[in-house]
């Protein structure tokens, strides 16, 4: 069983029961991305696994949706170092119309991500990053986006959520883009007596 299949089987049931994750907010101010500037935006879609009860989309449609979402999210940054993003779509489900409350299939997407430093020509992350995103919770997704959104709208929502999740992952490792380390959580021990 492939990695993508294992991930899909593990998450499919949860995806159809509840919408999880925080959706991308297009109105939020841009996060500080240090010296990041988007170089190559490489999206690979080659017959991904399709979850049960899913609408179908072509590889070309997914490639376009993901490429545009990554460009929207990262194209605004003008740091002094180029970084290349590689994203492979492993699997997805686009929820169909169901019966509200009783059965509302949820949409989700599974991708594998890598980031390369153009100057060193080396991958920044030691291991590939697997990211799973869901349609999130909103007025339109509460009853399942299969009832409230077209297939193209669902794809855009998921692609935008993937781009946001990639950015969150990069910012969890600020040293990759020349930012200072994240503040450490306060120790749970007693404060020092001076």
C-alpha atoms as a PDB file:
ATOM      1  CA  UNK A   1       0.000   0.000   0.000  1.00  0.00           C
ATOM      2  CA  UNK A   2       1.478   3.370  -1.010  1.00  0.00           C
ATOM      3  CA  UNK A   3       2.105   6.230   1.401  1.00  0.00           C
ATOM      4  CA  UNK A   4      -0.681   8.282  -0.188  1.00  0.00           C
ATOM      5  CA  UNK A   5      -3.150   5.414   0.071  1.00  0.00           C
ATOM      6  CA  UNK A   6      -2.347   4.876   3.759  1.00  0.00           C
ATOM      7  CA  UNK A   7      -2.825   8.567   4.444  1.00  0.00           C
ATOM      8  CA  UNK A   8      -6.094   8.665   2.534  1.00  0.00           C
ATOM      9  CA  UNK A   9      -7.491   5.607   4.267  1.00  0.00           C
ATOM     10  CA  UNK A  10      -6.499   7.020   7.662  1.00  0.00           C
ATOM     11  CA  UNK A  11      -8.019  10.425   7.070  1.00  0.00           C
ATOM     12  CA  UNK A  12     -10.970   9.755   4.802  1.00  0.00           C
ATOM     13  CA  UNK A  13     -13.326   8.681   7.571  1.00  0.00           C
ATOM     14  CA  UNK A  14     -12.450  11.691   9.728  1.00  0.00           C
ATOM     15  CA  UNK A  15     -12.781  14.019   6.768  1.00  0.00           C
ATOM     16  CA  UNK A  16     -16.345  12.922   6.141  1.00  0.00           C
ATOM     17  CA  UNK A  17     -17.348  13.247   9.792  1.00  0.00           C
ATOM     18  CA  UNK A  18     -15.993  16.690  10.528  1.00  0.00           C
ATOM     19  CA  UNK A  19     -14.312  19.602   8.863  1.00  0.00           C
ATOM     20  CA  UNK A  20     -11.015  20.328  10.556  1.00  0.00           C
ATOM     21  CA  UNK A  21      -8.257  22.869  10.250  1.00  0.00           C
ATOM     22  CA  UNK A  22      -8.233  26.619   9.923  1.00  0.00           C
ATOM     23  CA  UNK A  23      -9.008  27.849   6.418  1.00  0.00           C
ATOM     24  CA  UNK A  24      -6.848  30.438   4.715  1.00  0.00           C
ATOM     25  CA  UNK A  25      -8.051  33.967   5.364  1.00  0.00           C
ATOM     26  CA  UNK A  26      -7.438  36.136   2.290  1.00  0.00           C
ATOM     27  CA  UNK A  27      -7.937  39.315   4.349  1.00  0.00           C
ATOM     28  CA  UNK A  28      -5.221  38.602   6.920  1.00  0.00           C
ATOM     29  CA  UNK A  29      -2.105  40.799   6.685  1.00  0.00           C
ATOM     30  CA  UNK A  30       0.939  39.122   5.083  1.00  0.00           C
ATOM     31  CA  UNK A  31       3.144  37.242   7.535  1.00  0.00           C
ATOM     32  CA  UNK A  32       6.833  38.154   7.803  1.00  0.00           C
ATOM     33  CA  UNK A  33       8.682  35.674   5.575  1.00  0.00           C
ATOM     34  CA  UNK A  34      12.223  36.981   6.163  1.00  0.00           C
ATOM     35  CA  UNK A  35      14.426  36.693   3.090  1.00  0.00           C
ATOM     36  CA  UNK A  36      11.932  34.495   1.183  1.00  0.00           C
ATOM     37  CA  UNK A  37      11.280  35.093  -2.485  1.00  0.00           C
ATOM     38  CA  UNK A  38       9.442  32.466  -4.521  1.00  0.00           C
ATOM     39  CA  UNK A  39      11.593  30.931  -7.231  1.00  0.00           C
ATOM     40  CA  UNK A  40      10.214  27.884  -9.000  1.00  0.00           C
ATOM     41  CA  UNK A  41       6.651  26.906  -8.150  1.00  0.00           C
ATOM     42  CA  UNK A  42       6.623  23.205  -9.040  1.00  0.00           C
ATOM     43  CA  UNK A  43       3.348  21.308  -8.736  1.00  0.00           C
ATOM     44  CA  UNK A  44       3.194  17.618  -9.632  1.00  0.00           C
ATOM     45  CA  UNK A  45      -0.152  15.917 -10.127  1.00  0.00           C
ATOM     46  CA  UNK A  46      -0.041  12.399 -11.517  1.00  0.00           C
ATOM     47  CA  UNK A  47      -3.177  10.338 -10.980  1.00  0.00           C
ATOM     48  CA  UNK A  48      -3.615  11.053  -7.252  1.00  0.00           C
ATOM     49  CA  UNK A  49      -5.688   8.776  -5.043  1.00  0.00           C
ATOM     50  CA  UNK A  50      -9.343   9.819  -4.974  1.00  0.00           C
ATOM     51  CA  UNK A  51     -11.353   9.429  -1.798  1.00  0.00           C
ATOM     52  CA  UNK A  52     -14.778   7.797  -1.638  1.00  0.00           C
ATOM     53  CA  UNK A  53     -17.872   9.816  -2.606  1.00  0.00           C
ATOM     54  CA  UNK A  54     -15.670  12.369  -4.360  1.00  0.00           C
ATOM     55  CA  UNK A  55     -16.342  14.526  -7.359  1.00  0.00           C
ATOM     56  CA  UNK A  56     -13.654  14.061 -10.009  1.00  0.00           C
ATOM     57  CA  UNK A  57     -11.146  16.650 -11.231  1.00  0.00           C
ATOM     58  CA  UNK A  58      -8.433  16.305 -13.866  1.00  0.00           C
ATOM     59  CA  UNK A  59      -4.725  16.390 -13.069  1.00  0.00           C
ATOM     60  CA  UNK A  60      -4.464  19.575 -15.139  1.00  0.00           C
ATOM     61  CA  UNK A  61      -7.238  21.276 -13.109  1.00  0.00           C
ATOM     62  CA  UNK A  62      -5.506  20.420  -9.845  1.00  0.00           C
ATOM     63  CA  UNK A  63      -2.122  21.573 -11.135  1.00  0.00           C
ATOM     64  CA  UNK A  64      -3.618  24.913 -12.140  1.00  0.00           C
ATOM     65  CA  UNK A  65      -5.485  25.366  -8.832  1.00  0.00           C
ATOM     66  CA  UNK A  66      -2.434  24.569  -6.682  1.00  0.00           C
ATOM     67  CA  UNK A  67       0.008  26.591  -8.804  1.00  0.00           C
ATOM     68  CA  UNK A  68      -2.254  29.654  -8.633  1.00  0.00           C
ATOM     69  CA  UNK A  69      -2.831  29.294  -4.867  1.00  0.00           C
ATOM     70  CA  UNK A  70       0.904  29.055  -4.159  1.00  0.00           C
ATOM     71  CA  UNK A  71       1.570  32.070  -6.381  1.00  0.00           C
ATOM     72  CA  UNK A  72      -1.167  34.067  -4.599  1.00  0.00           C
ATOM     73  CA  UNK A  73       0.207  33.178  -1.180  1.00  0.00           C
ATOM     74  CA  UNK A  74       3.958  33.511  -1.859  1.00  0.00           C
ATOM     75  CA  UNK A  75       4.322  35.713  -4.955  1.00  0.00           C
ATOM     76  CA  UNK A  76       3.993  38.904  -2.907  1.00  0.00           C
ATOM     77  CA  UNK A  77       7.230  38.324  -0.989  1.00  0.00           C
ATOM     78  CA  UNK A  78      10.332  40.094  -2.271  1.00  0.00           C
ATOM     79  CA  UNK A  79      13.105  38.831   0.000  1.00  0.00           C
ATOM     80  CA  UNK A  80      16.697  38.617  -1.189  1.00  0.00           C
ATOM     81  CA  UNK A  81      16.906  34.814  -1.495  1.00  0.00           C
ATOM     82  CA  UNK A  82      15.077  32.550  -3.898  1.00  0.00           C
ATOM     83  CA  UNK A  83      13.422  29.410  -2.579  1.00  0.00           C
ATOM     84  CA  UNK A  84      11.763  26.780  -4.749  1.00  0.00           C
ATOM     85  CA  UNK A  85       8.619  24.976  -3.612  1.00  0.00           C
ATOM     86  CA  UNK A  86       7.779  21.483  -4.824  1.00  0.00           C
ATOM     87  CA  UNK A  87       4.273  20.199  -4.112  1.00  0.00           C
ATOM     88  CA  UNK A  88       2.947  16.766  -5.081  1.00  0.00           C
ATOM     89  CA  UNK A  89      -0.772  16.043  -4.820  1.00  0.00           C
ATOM     90  CA  UNK A  90      -1.083  12.585  -3.261  1.00  0.00           C
ATOM     91  CA  UNK A  91      -4.855  12.407  -2.920  1.00  0.00           C
ATOM     92  CA  UNK A  92      -8.088  14.288  -2.472  1.00  0.00           C
ATOM     93  CA  UNK A  93     -11.821  14.126  -1.988  1.00  0.00           C
ATOM     94  CA  UNK A  94     -14.249  16.755  -3.228  1.00  0.00           C
ATOM     95  CA  UNK A  95     -17.442  16.284  -1.241  1.00  0.00           C
ATOM     96  CA  UNK A  96     -20.595  15.608  -3.226  1.00  0.00           C
ATOM     97  CA  UNK A  97     -24.023  16.837  -2.260  1.00  0.00           C
ATOM     98  CA  UNK A  98     -25.393  14.744   0.589  1.00  0.00           C
ATOM     99  CA  UNK A  99     -28.219  14.879   3.081  1.00  0.00           C
ATOM    100  CA  UNK A 100     -27.589  17.728   5.548  1.00  0.00           C
ATOM    101  CA  UNK A 101     -26.815  16.595   9.105  1.00  0.00           C
ATOM    102  CA  UNK A 102     -27.214  12.889   8.211  1.00  0.00           C
ATOM    103  CA  UNK A 103     -24.511  12.541   5.541  1.00  0.00           C
ATOM    104  CA  UNK A 104     -22.446  15.462   4.287  1.00  0.00           C
ATOM    105  CA  UNK A 105     -19.179  14.296   2.704  1.00  0.00           C
ATOM    106  CA  UNK A 106     -16.337  16.695   3.454  1.00  0.00           C
ATOM    107  CA  UNK A 107     -13.544  17.744   1.129  1.00  0.00           C
ATOM    108  CA  UNK A 108      -9.867  17.207   1.907  1.00  0.00           C
ATOM    109  CA  UNK A 109      -6.483  17.103   0.202  1.00  0.00           C
ATOM    110  CA  UNK A 110      -3.168  15.371   0.957  1.00  0.00           C
ATOM    111  CA  UNK A 111       0.096  16.777  -0.442  1.00  0.00           C
ATOM    112  CA  UNK A 112       3.822  16.212  -0.019  1.00  0.00           C
ATOM    113  CA  UNK A 113       5.982  19.356   0.112  1.00  0.00           C
ATOM    114  CA  UNK A 114       9.682  20.166  -0.227  1.00  0.00           C
ATOM    115  CA  UNK A 115      11.540  23.471  -0.245  1.00  0.00           C
ATOM    116  CA  UNK A 116      14.927  24.137  -1.857  1.00  0.00           C
ATOM    117  CA  UNK A 117      17.403  26.957  -1.307  1.00  0.00           C
ATOM    118  CA  UNK A 118      18.367  28.277  -4.743  1.00  0.00           C
ATOM    119  CA  UNK A 119      21.813  29.484  -3.598  1.00  0.00           C
ATOM    120  CA  UNK A 120      22.920  26.117  -2.196  1.00  0.00           C
ATOM    121  CA  UNK A 121      20.813  23.984  -4.575  1.00  0.00           C
ATOM    122  CA  UNK A 122      19.916  21.863  -1.549  1.00  0.00           C
ATOM    123  CA  UNK A 123      16.645  20.872   0.015  1.00  0.00           C
ATOM    124  CA  UNK A 124      15.958  22.928   3.144  1.00  0.00           C
ATOM    125  CA  UNK A 125      13.787  20.369   4.935  1.00  0.00           C
ATOM    126  CA  UNK A 126      15.451  17.110   5.981  1.00  0.00           C
ATOM    127  CA  UNK A 127      12.352  15.010   5.321  1.00  0.00           C
ATOM    128  CA  UNK A 128       9.423  15.460   2.978  1.00  0.00           C
ATOM    129  CA  UNK A 129       6.497  17.155   4.677  1.00  0.00           C
ATOM    130  CA  UNK A 130       3.078  15.503   4.364  1.00  0.00           C
ATOM    131  CA  UNK A 131       0.245  18.007   4.756  1.00  0.00           C
ATOM    132  CA  UNK A 132      -3.455  17.216   5.009  1.00  0.00           C
ATOM    133  CA  UNK A 133      -5.989  20.031   4.751  1.00  0.00           C
ATOM    134  CA  UNK A 134      -9.743  20.049   5.051  1.00  0.00           C
ATOM    135  CA  UNK A 135     -12.387  22.439   3.815  1.00  0.00           C
ATOM    136  CA  UNK A 136     -12.563  24.133   7.232  1.00  0.00           C
ATOM    137  CA  UNK A 137     -15.632  25.337   9.050  1.00  0.00           C
ATOM    138  CA  UNK A 138     -17.690  28.195   7.662  1.00  0.00           C
ATOM    139  CA  UNK A 139     -21.308  28.887   6.825  1.00  0.00           C
ATOM    140  CA  UNK A 140     -20.792  27.247   3.439  1.00  0.00           C
ATOM    141  CA  UNK A 141     -18.992  24.159   4.723  1.00  0.00           C
ATOM    142  CA  UNK A 142     -21.108  23.454   7.793  1.00  0.00           C
ATOM    143  CA  UNK A 143     -23.512  21.375   5.713  1.00  0.00           C
ATOM    144  CA  UNK A 144     -20.775  20.197   3.361  1.00  0.00           C
ATOM    145  CA  UNK A 145     -19.381  22.173   0.440  1.00  0.00           C
ATOM    146  CA  UNK A 146     -20.908  19.651  -1.950  1.00  0.00           C
ATOM    147  CA  UNK A 147     -24.216  21.422  -1.330  1.00  0.00           C
ATOM    148  CA  UNK A 148     -22.956  25.001  -1.321  1.00  0.00           C
ATOM    149  CA  UNK A 149     -19.990  25.141  -3.699  1.00  0.00           C
ATOM    150  CA  UNK A 150     -19.158  24.131  -7.232  1.00  0.00           C
ATOM    151  CA  UNK A 151     -16.325  21.672  -7.827  1.00  0.00           C
ATOM    152  CA  UNK A 152     -14.039  24.547  -8.918  1.00  0.00           C
ATOM    153  CA  UNK A 153     -14.836  26.507  -5.756  1.00  0.00           C
ATOM    154  CA  UNK A 154     -14.019  23.478  -3.613  1.00  0.00           C
ATOM    155  CA  UNK A 155     -10.705  23.042  -5.419  1.00  0.00           C
ATOM    156  CA  UNK A 156      -9.775  26.696  -4.907  1.00  0.00           C
ATOM    157  CA  UNK A 157     -10.676  26.501  -1.207  1.00  0.00           C
ATOM    158  CA  UNK A 158      -8.529  23.402  -0.677  1.00  0.00           C
ATOM    159  CA  UNK A 159      -5.635  24.797  -2.732  1.00  0.00           C
ATOM    160  CA  UNK A 160      -5.687  28.039  -0.734  1.00  0.00           C
ATOM    161  CA  UNK A 161      -5.715  26.033   2.506  1.00  0.00           C
ATOM    162  CA  UNK A 162      -2.705  24.023   1.278  1.00  0.00           C
ATOM    163  CA  UNK A 163      -0.780  27.213   0.465  1.00  0.00           C
ATOM    164  CA  UNK A 164      -1.560  28.572   3.957  1.00  0.00           C
ATOM    165  CA  UNK A 165      -0.492  25.275   5.573  1.00  0.00           C
ATOM    166  CA  UNK A 166       2.799  25.384   3.634  1.00  0.00           C
ATOM    167  CA  UNK A 167       3.434  28.916   4.871  1.00  0.00           C
ATOM    168  CA  UNK A 168       2.650  27.889   8.458  1.00  0.00           C
ATOM    169  CA  UNK A 169       5.108  24.969   8.118  1.00  0.00           C
ATOM    170  CA  UNK A 170       7.867  27.271   6.836  1.00  0.00           C
ATOM    171  CA  UNK A 171       7.249  29.732   9.669  1.00  0.00           C
ATOM    172  CA  UNK A 172       7.497  26.893  12.205  1.00  0.00           C
ATOM    173  CA  UNK A 173      11.131  26.727  10.996  1.00  0.00           C
ATOM    174  CA  UNK A 174      12.023  30.453  10.820  1.00  0.00           C
ATOM    175  CA  UNK A 175      15.753  29.813  10.451  1.00  0.00           C
ATOM    176  CA  UNK A 176      15.045  28.479   6.945  1.00  0.00           C
ATOM    177  CA  UNK A 177      14.178  32.000   5.759  1.00  0.00           C
ATOM    178  CA  UNK A 178      16.591  34.015   7.897  1.00  0.00           C
ATOM    179  CA  UNK A 179      14.162  34.864  10.692  1.00  0.00           C
ATOM    180  CA  UNK A 180      15.124  34.675  14.375  1.00  0.00           C
ATOM    181  CA  UNK A 181      14.199  31.494  16.246  1.00  0.00           C
ATOM    182  CA  UNK A 182      10.696  31.328  17.676  1.00  0.00           C
ATOM    183  CA  UNK A 183      10.476  32.268  21.356  1.00  0.00           C
ATOM    184  CA  UNK A 184      10.665  29.202  23.569  1.00  0.00           C
ATOM    185  CA  UNK A 185       7.680  28.434  25.747  1.00  0.00           C
ATOM    186  CA  UNK A 186       8.147  29.458  29.346  1.00  0.00           C
ATOM    187  CA  UNK A 187       9.594  26.740  31.526  1.00  0.00           C
ATOM    188  CA  UNK A 188       7.069  25.078  33.770  1.00  0.00           C
ATOM    189  CA  UNK A 189       9.507  25.065  36.714  1.00  0.00           C
ATOM    190  CA  UNK A 190       9.698  27.643  39.494  1.00  0.00           C
ATOM    191  CA  UNK A 191      11.204  31.029  38.691  1.00  0.00           C
ATOM    192  CA  UNK A 192      14.788  31.613  39.776  1.00  0.00           C
ATOM    193  CA  UNK A 193      15.247  33.395  43.083  1.00  0.00           C
ATOM    194  CA  UNK A 194      17.676  36.311  42.875  1.00  0.00           C
END
